[in-house]
Amino acid sequence: MNDNFKKQISNIEDLVEISDILSESTELHAGISKYIKNPVDHQFSKEGHKVQMNFNKKGDTIYLLGDYKEGEDDNSSVIEILYDAIENNLVTSAHPLHKSGLFWGLIEACAIKKLGFDITGDAEMSDKELLFNDRNASILISVSSDKEGKLVDFIFNNSIKLTLLGHVTKKVLRMDDLSFGYIEDYLG
């Protein structure tokens, strides 16, 4: 997230207005274009096990892996646990959020297959902070319903923070009762 965008949104509290500004971002469009052109280049992999950075299908559950509230710079232990989860085929996608923020990461994760999201805010922080904090070192992951229980147990047993956000939808972008439009609005 560039400094110009941060300045633009610093005094705006209307989340839809912020998302409208972001939908015009050439930096976001360039990032999405990069993912769409070469999705194979944008994946986590370990020992032949690969997972894309984009959401795979409607109905998958979306989580944040790691502590998104603390703004940690070093998330190496989180990444190691993610690699183990990938090796055990427990996640369907993984998208790092460092320097972009949750909303930006969600848009990038939805873009390739033109999917959407329906997430819930966090009672302990403002929606603006949750969506647009670019000091977020956590990883946005998705999991299919048949592997969700195993993933939650695996992450819990490894003492890593896992936060349920919501689920992947078909094109609609929502948080609580707030609509951010459709994924096509952000694709440039």
C-alpha atoms as a PDB file:
ATOM      1  CA  MET A   1       0.000   0.000   0.000  1.00  0.00           C
ATOM      2  CA  ASN A   2       1.650   3.218  -1.099  1.00  0.00           C
ATOM      3  CA  ASP A   3       1.958   6.441   0.902  1.00  0.00           C
ATOM      4  CA  ASN A   4      -0.407   8.326  -1.413  1.00  0.00           C
ATOM      5  CA  PHE A   5      -3.219   5.852  -0.662  1.00  0.00           C
ATOM      6  CA  LYS A   6      -2.481   6.028   3.085  1.00  0.00           C
ATOM      7  CA  LYS A   7      -2.743   9.833   2.990  1.00  0.00           C
ATOM      8  CA  GLN A   8      -5.997   9.704   1.027  1.00  0.00           C
ATOM      9  CA  ILE A   9      -7.708   7.396   3.496  1.00  0.00           C
ATOM     10  CA  SER A  10      -6.246   8.759   6.747  1.00  0.00           C
ATOM     11  CA  ASN A  11      -9.204  11.073   7.411  1.00  0.00           C
ATOM     12  CA  ILE A  12     -11.930   8.992   5.779  1.00  0.00           C
ATOM     13  CA  GLU A  13     -14.070   6.780   8.010  1.00  0.00           C
ATOM     14  CA  ASP A  14     -16.545   5.551   5.359  1.00  0.00           C
ATOM     15  CA  LEU A  15     -15.225   2.112   4.396  1.00  0.00           C
ATOM     16  CA  VAL A  16     -17.124   2.014   1.106  1.00  0.00           C
ATOM     17  CA  GLU A  17     -15.578   5.349   0.129  1.00  0.00           C
ATOM     18  CA  ILE A  18     -12.132   3.936   0.936  1.00  0.00           C
ATOM     19  CA  SER A  19     -12.853   0.815  -1.123  1.00  0.00           C
ATOM     20  CA  ASP A  20     -13.967   3.035  -4.025  1.00  0.00           C
ATOM     21  CA  ILE A  21     -10.628   4.881  -3.872  1.00  0.00           C
ATOM     22  CA  LEU A  22      -8.796   1.549  -3.789  1.00  0.00           C
ATOM     23  CA  SER A  23     -10.765   0.284  -6.805  1.00  0.00           C
ATOM     24  CA  GLU A  24      -9.135   3.095  -8.832  1.00  0.00           C
ATOM     25  CA  SER A  25      -5.594   2.260  -7.656  1.00  0.00           C
ATOM     26  CA  THR A  26      -3.157   1.588 -10.475  1.00  0.00           C
ATOM     27  CA  GLU A  27      -0.918  -0.176  -7.930  1.00  0.00           C
ATOM     28  CA  LEU A  28      -3.736  -2.607  -7.070  1.00  0.00           C
ATOM     29  CA  HIS A  29      -4.546  -3.147 -10.760  1.00  0.00           C
ATOM     30  CA  ALA A  30      -0.871  -3.885 -11.493  1.00  0.00           C
ATOM     31  CA  GLY A  31      -0.727  -6.394  -8.614  1.00  0.00           C
ATOM     32  CA  ILE A  32      -3.882  -8.144  -9.770  1.00  0.00           C
ATOM     33  CA  SER A  33      -2.627  -8.204 -13.355  1.00  0.00           C
ATOM     34  CA  LYS A  34       0.578  -9.875 -12.148  1.00  0.00           C
ATOM     35  CA  TYR A  35      -1.426 -12.632 -10.417  1.00  0.00           C
ATOM     36  CA  ILE A  36      -3.776 -13.165 -13.356  1.00  0.00           C
ATOM     37  CA  LYS A  37      -0.968 -13.405 -15.933  1.00  0.00           C
ATOM     38  CA  ASN A  38       1.116 -15.904 -13.971  1.00  0.00           C
ATOM     39  CA  PRO A  39      -0.810 -17.543 -11.129  1.00  0.00           C
ATOM     40  CA  VAL A  40       1.706 -20.414 -11.061  1.00  0.00           C
ATOM     41  CA  ASP A  41       4.467 -17.961 -10.146  1.00  0.00           C
ATOM     42  CA  HIS A  42       2.499 -16.890  -7.078  1.00  0.00           C
ATOM     43  CA  GLN A  43       2.237 -19.851  -4.779  1.00  0.00           C
ATOM     44  CA  PHE A  44       3.619 -21.291  -1.593  1.00  0.00           C
ATOM     45  CA  SER A  45       5.359 -24.605  -2.106  1.00  0.00           C
ATOM     46  CA  LYS A  46       7.291 -27.128  -0.080  1.00  0.00           C
ATOM     47  CA  GLU A  47       8.767 -30.387  -1.304  1.00  0.00           C
ATOM     48  CA  GLY A  48       6.448 -30.710  -4.285  1.00  0.00           C
ATOM     49  CA  HIS A  49       3.352 -29.618  -2.372  1.00  0.00           C
ATOM     50  CA  LYS A  50       1.984 -26.365  -3.793  1.00  0.00           C
ATOM     51  CA  VAL A  51      -0.840 -24.033  -2.907  1.00  0.00           C
ATOM     52  CA  GLN A  52      -2.006 -21.022  -4.913  1.00  0.00           C
ATOM     53  CA  MET A  53      -2.290 -17.532  -3.474  1.00  0.00           C
ATOM     54  CA  ASN A  54      -5.809 -17.144  -4.869  1.00  0.00           C
ATOM     55  CA  PHE A  55      -9.092 -18.482  -3.517  1.00  0.00           C
ATOM     56  CA  ASN A  56     -10.178 -21.676  -5.222  1.00  0.00           C
ATOM     57  CA  LYS A  57     -13.935 -22.024  -4.876  1.00  0.00           C
ATOM     58  CA  LYS A  58     -17.117 -20.619  -3.407  1.00  0.00           C
ATOM     59  CA  GLY A  59     -17.846 -21.998   0.057  1.00  0.00           C
ATOM     60  CA  ASP A  60     -14.247 -22.356   1.245  1.00  0.00           C
ATOM     61  CA  THR A  61     -13.638 -20.887   4.696  1.00  0.00           C
ATOM     62  CA  ILE A  62     -11.315 -17.880   5.081  1.00  0.00           C
ATOM     63  CA  TYR A  63      -8.942 -17.513   8.039  1.00  0.00           C
ATOM     64  CA  LEU A  64      -6.089 -15.250   9.113  1.00  0.00           C
ATOM     65  CA  LEU A  65      -3.043 -17.223  10.189  1.00  0.00           C
ATOM     66  CA  GLY A  66      -0.830 -15.369  12.671  1.00  0.00           C
ATOM     67  CA  ASP A  67      -1.400 -12.389  14.939  1.00  0.00           C
ATOM     68  CA  TYR A  68      -2.809  -9.584  12.801  1.00  0.00           C
ATOM     69  CA  LYS A  69      -3.388  -7.276  15.781  1.00  0.00           C
ATOM     70  CA  GLU A  70       0.244  -6.972  16.853  1.00  0.00           C
ATOM     71  CA  GLY A  71       1.723  -6.031  13.477  1.00  0.00           C
ATOM     72  CA  GLU A  72       4.678  -8.386  13.877  1.00  0.00           C
ATOM     73  CA  ASP A  73       7.523  -8.131  11.382  1.00  0.00           C
ATOM     74  CA  ASP A  74       8.850 -11.646  11.920  1.00  0.00           C
ATOM     75  CA  ASN A  75       6.330 -14.320  11.075  1.00  0.00           C
ATOM     76  CA  SER A  76       8.833 -17.087  10.297  1.00  0.00           C
ATOM     77  CA  SER A  77       7.231 -19.536  12.763  1.00  0.00           C
ATOM     78  CA  VAL A  78       3.832 -18.900  11.149  1.00  0.00           C
ATOM     79  CA  ILE A  79       5.309 -19.576   7.702  1.00  0.00           C
ATOM     80  CA  GLU A  80       6.906 -22.835   8.898  1.00  0.00           C
ATOM     81  CA  ILE A  81       3.550 -24.040  10.245  1.00  0.00           C
ATOM     82  CA  LEU A  82       1.899 -22.962   6.978  1.00  0.00           C
ATOM     83  CA  TYR A  83       4.422 -25.028   5.008  1.00  0.00           C
ATOM     84  CA  ASP A  84       3.622 -28.027   7.207  1.00  0.00           C
ATOM     85  CA  ALA A  85      -0.108 -27.465   6.622  1.00  0.00           C
ATOM     86  CA  ILE A  86       0.535 -27.293   2.866  1.00  0.00           C
ATOM     87  CA  GLU A  87       2.572 -30.501   3.004  1.00  0.00           C
ATOM     88  CA  ASN A  88      -0.401 -32.154   4.737  1.00  0.00           C
ATOM     89  CA  ASN A  89      -2.827 -30.763   2.104  1.00  0.00           C
ATOM     90  CA  LEU A  90      -4.806 -28.811   4.712  1.00  0.00           C
ATOM     91  CA  VAL A  91      -5.104 -25.434   2.928  1.00  0.00           C
ATOM     92  CA  THR A  92      -6.439 -24.512  -0.505  1.00  0.00           C
ATOM     93  CA  SER A  93      -4.822 -21.063  -0.703  1.00  0.00           C
ATOM     94  CA  ALA A  94      -2.361 -18.853   1.171  1.00  0.00           C
ATOM     95  CA  HIS A  95      -1.806 -15.142   0.551  1.00  0.00           C
ATOM     96  CA  PRO A  96       0.652 -13.030   2.612  1.00  0.00           C
ATOM     97  CA  LEU A  97      -0.635  -9.633   3.734  1.00  0.00           C
ATOM     98  CA  HIS A  98       2.557  -7.773   4.624  1.00  0.00           C
ATOM     99  CA  LYS A  99       2.580  -4.207   3.309  1.00  0.00           C
ATOM    100  CA  SER A 100      -0.842  -4.489   1.670  1.00  0.00           C
ATOM    101  CA  GLY A 101      -3.527  -4.962   4.296  1.00  0.00           C
ATOM    102  CA  LEU A 102      -6.419  -7.382   4.572  1.00  0.00           C
ATOM    103  CA  PHE A 103      -8.807  -5.738   2.085  1.00  0.00           C
ATOM    104  CA  TRP A 104      -6.105  -5.508  -0.591  1.00  0.00           C
ATOM    105  CA  GLY A 105      -5.123  -9.148   0.023  1.00  0.00           C
ATOM    106  CA  LEU A 106      -8.742 -10.273  -0.181  1.00  0.00           C
ATOM    107  CA  ILE A 107      -9.156  -8.499  -3.532  1.00  0.00           C
ATOM    108  CA  GLU A 108      -5.985 -10.128  -4.900  1.00  0.00           C
ATOM    109  CA  ALA A 109      -7.068 -13.565  -3.612  1.00  0.00           C
ATOM    110  CA  CYS A 110     -10.505 -13.176  -5.262  1.00  0.00           C
ATOM    111  CA  ALA A 111      -9.318 -11.727  -8.584  1.00  0.00           C
ATOM    112  CA  ILE A 112      -8.052 -14.750 -10.543  1.00  0.00           C
ATOM    113  CA  LYS A 113     -11.245 -16.799 -10.333  1.00  0.00           C
ATOM    114  CA  LYS A 114     -13.502 -13.733  -9.936  1.00  0.00           C
ATOM    115  CA  LEU A 115     -14.758 -14.870  -6.549  1.00  0.00           C
ATOM    116  CA  GLY A 116     -15.824 -12.775  -3.567  1.00  0.00           C
ATOM    117  CA  PHE A 117     -15.822 -12.821   0.225  1.00  0.00           C
ATOM    118  CA  ASP A 118     -18.199 -12.474   3.144  1.00  0.00           C
ATOM    119  CA  ILE A 119     -16.276 -11.769   6.334  1.00  0.00           C
ATOM    120  CA  THR A 120     -17.017 -10.601   9.866  1.00  0.00           C
ATOM    121  CA  GLY A 121     -15.330  -7.668  11.596  1.00  0.00           C
ATOM    122  CA  ASP A 122     -13.390  -7.895  14.849  1.00  0.00           C
ATOM    123  CA  ALA A 123     -15.025  -6.520  18.017  1.00  0.00           C
ATOM    124  CA  GLU A 124     -11.609  -5.581  19.443  1.00  0.00           C
ATOM    125  CA  MET A 125     -10.516  -3.238  16.630  1.00  0.00           C
ATOM    126  CA  SER A 126     -12.092  -0.823  14.195  1.00  0.00           C
ATOM    127  CA  ASP A 127     -13.189  -2.137  10.826  1.00  0.00           C
ATOM    128  CA  LYS A 128     -10.907   0.399   9.149  1.00  0.00           C
ATOM    129  CA  GLU A 129      -7.901  -0.864  11.105  1.00  0.00           C
ATOM    130  CA  LEU A 130      -8.790  -4.489  10.363  1.00  0.00           C
ATOM    131  CA  LEU A 131      -9.209  -3.937   6.625  1.00  0.00           C
ATOM    132  CA  PHE A 132      -6.548  -1.356   5.824  1.00  0.00           C
ATOM    133  CA  ASN A 133      -3.696  -1.877   8.320  1.00  0.00           C
ATOM    134  CA  ASP A 134      -0.632  -2.539   6.159  1.00  0.00           C
ATOM    135  CA  ARG A 135       1.544  -3.619   9.105  1.00  0.00           C
ATOM    136  CA  ASN A 136      -0.242  -6.938   9.052  1.00  0.00           C
ATOM    137  CA  ALA A 137       2.245  -9.831   8.938  1.00  0.00           C
ATOM    138  CA  SER A 138      -0.409 -12.542   9.009  1.00  0.00           C
ATOM    139  CA  ILE A 139      -1.361 -14.798   6.098  1.00  0.00           C
ATOM    140  CA  LEU A 140      -4.791 -15.017   4.524  1.00  0.00           C
ATOM    141  CA  ILE A 141      -5.661 -18.675   4.003  1.00  0.00           C
ATOM    142  CA  SER A 142      -8.640 -20.627   2.747  1.00  0.00           C
ATOM    143  CA  VAL A 143      -9.636 -24.201   3.458  1.00  0.00           C
ATOM    144  CA  SER A 144     -12.269 -26.547   2.075  1.00  0.00           C
ATOM    145  CA  SER A 145     -15.031 -27.644   4.445  1.00  0.00           C
ATOM    146  CA  ASP A 146     -13.875 -31.282   4.442  1.00  0.00           C
ATOM    147  CA  LYS A 147     -10.434 -30.327   5.816  1.00  0.00           C
ATOM    148  CA  GLU A 148     -11.394 -27.419   8.074  1.00  0.00           C
ATOM    149  CA  GLY A 149     -11.543 -29.406  11.326  1.00  0.00           C
ATOM    150  CA  LYS A 150      -8.138 -30.975  10.675  1.00  0.00           C
ATOM    151  CA  LEU A 151      -6.615 -27.573   9.860  1.00  0.00           C
ATOM    152  CA  VAL A 152      -7.999 -25.930  13.009  1.00  0.00           C
ATOM    153  CA  ASP A 153      -6.702 -28.787  15.178  1.00  0.00           C
ATOM    154  CA  PHE A 154      -3.310 -28.698  13.445  1.00  0.00           C
ATOM    155  CA  ILE A 155      -2.884 -24.935  13.925  1.00  0.00           C
ATOM    156  CA  PHE A 156      -4.134 -25.061  17.534  1.00  0.00           C
ATOM    157  CA  ASN A 157      -1.722 -27.903  18.347  1.00  0.00           C
ATOM    158  CA  ASN A 158       1.132 -25.761  17.006  1.00  0.00           C
ATOM    159  CA  SER A 159       0.162 -22.742  19.148  1.00  0.00           C
ATOM    160  CA  ILE A 160      -0.305 -20.361  16.219  1.00  0.00           C
ATOM    161  CA  LYS A 161      -3.099 -17.796  16.217  1.00  0.00           C
ATOM    162  CA  LEU A 162      -5.897 -18.596  13.747  1.00  0.00           C
ATOM    163  CA  THR A 163      -8.816 -16.214  13.257  1.00  0.00           C
ATOM    164  CA  LEU A 164     -11.991 -17.165  11.416  1.00  0.00           C
ATOM    165  CA  LEU A 165     -12.959 -14.397   8.970  1.00  0.00           C
ATOM    166  CA  GLY A 166     -15.784 -15.846   6.867  1.00  0.00           C
ATOM    167  CA  HIS A 167     -16.141 -17.615   3.552  1.00  0.00           C
ATOM    168  CA  VAL A 168     -15.506 -17.321  -0.163  1.00  0.00           C
ATOM    169  CA  THR A 169     -18.540 -16.179  -2.182  1.00  0.00           C
ATOM    170  CA  LYS A 170     -19.430 -15.824  -5.820  1.00  0.00           C
ATOM    171  CA  LYS A 171     -18.309 -12.277  -6.814  1.00  0.00           C
ATOM    172  CA  VAL A 172     -19.927 -10.301  -3.931  1.00  0.00           C
ATOM    173  CA  LEU A 173     -17.592  -8.510  -1.470  1.00  0.00           C
ATOM    174  CA  ARG A 174     -19.099  -8.099   2.016  1.00  0.00           C
ATOM    175  CA  MET A 175     -18.135  -7.449   5.607  1.00  0.00           C
ATOM    176  CA  ASP A 176     -20.931  -7.784   8.142  1.00  0.00           C
ATOM    177  CA  ASP A 177     -23.843  -5.794   6.637  1.00  0.00           C
ATOM    178  CA  LEU A 178     -21.590  -3.656   4.448  1.00  0.00           C
ATOM    179  CA  SER A 179     -21.273  -4.279   0.698  1.00  0.00           C
ATOM    180  CA  PHE A 180     -18.124  -3.326  -1.196  1.00  0.00           C
ATOM    181  CA  GLY A 181     -19.665  -4.233  -4.552  1.00  0.00           C
ATOM    182  CA  TYR A 182     -18.413  -6.987  -6.824  1.00  0.00           C
ATOM    183  CA  ILE A 183     -14.925  -8.243  -7.668  1.00  0.00           C
ATOM    184  CA  GLU A 184     -15.283  -6.890 -11.232  1.00  0.00           C
ATOM    185  CA  ASP A 185     -15.357  -3.352  -9.741  1.00  0.00           C
ATOM    186  CA  TYR A 186     -11.697  -3.808  -8.721  1.00  0.00           C
ATOM    187  CA  LEU A 187     -10.275  -5.469 -11.793  1.00  0.00           C
ATOM    188  CA  GLY A 188      -9.654  -2.260 -13.743  1.00  0.00           C
END
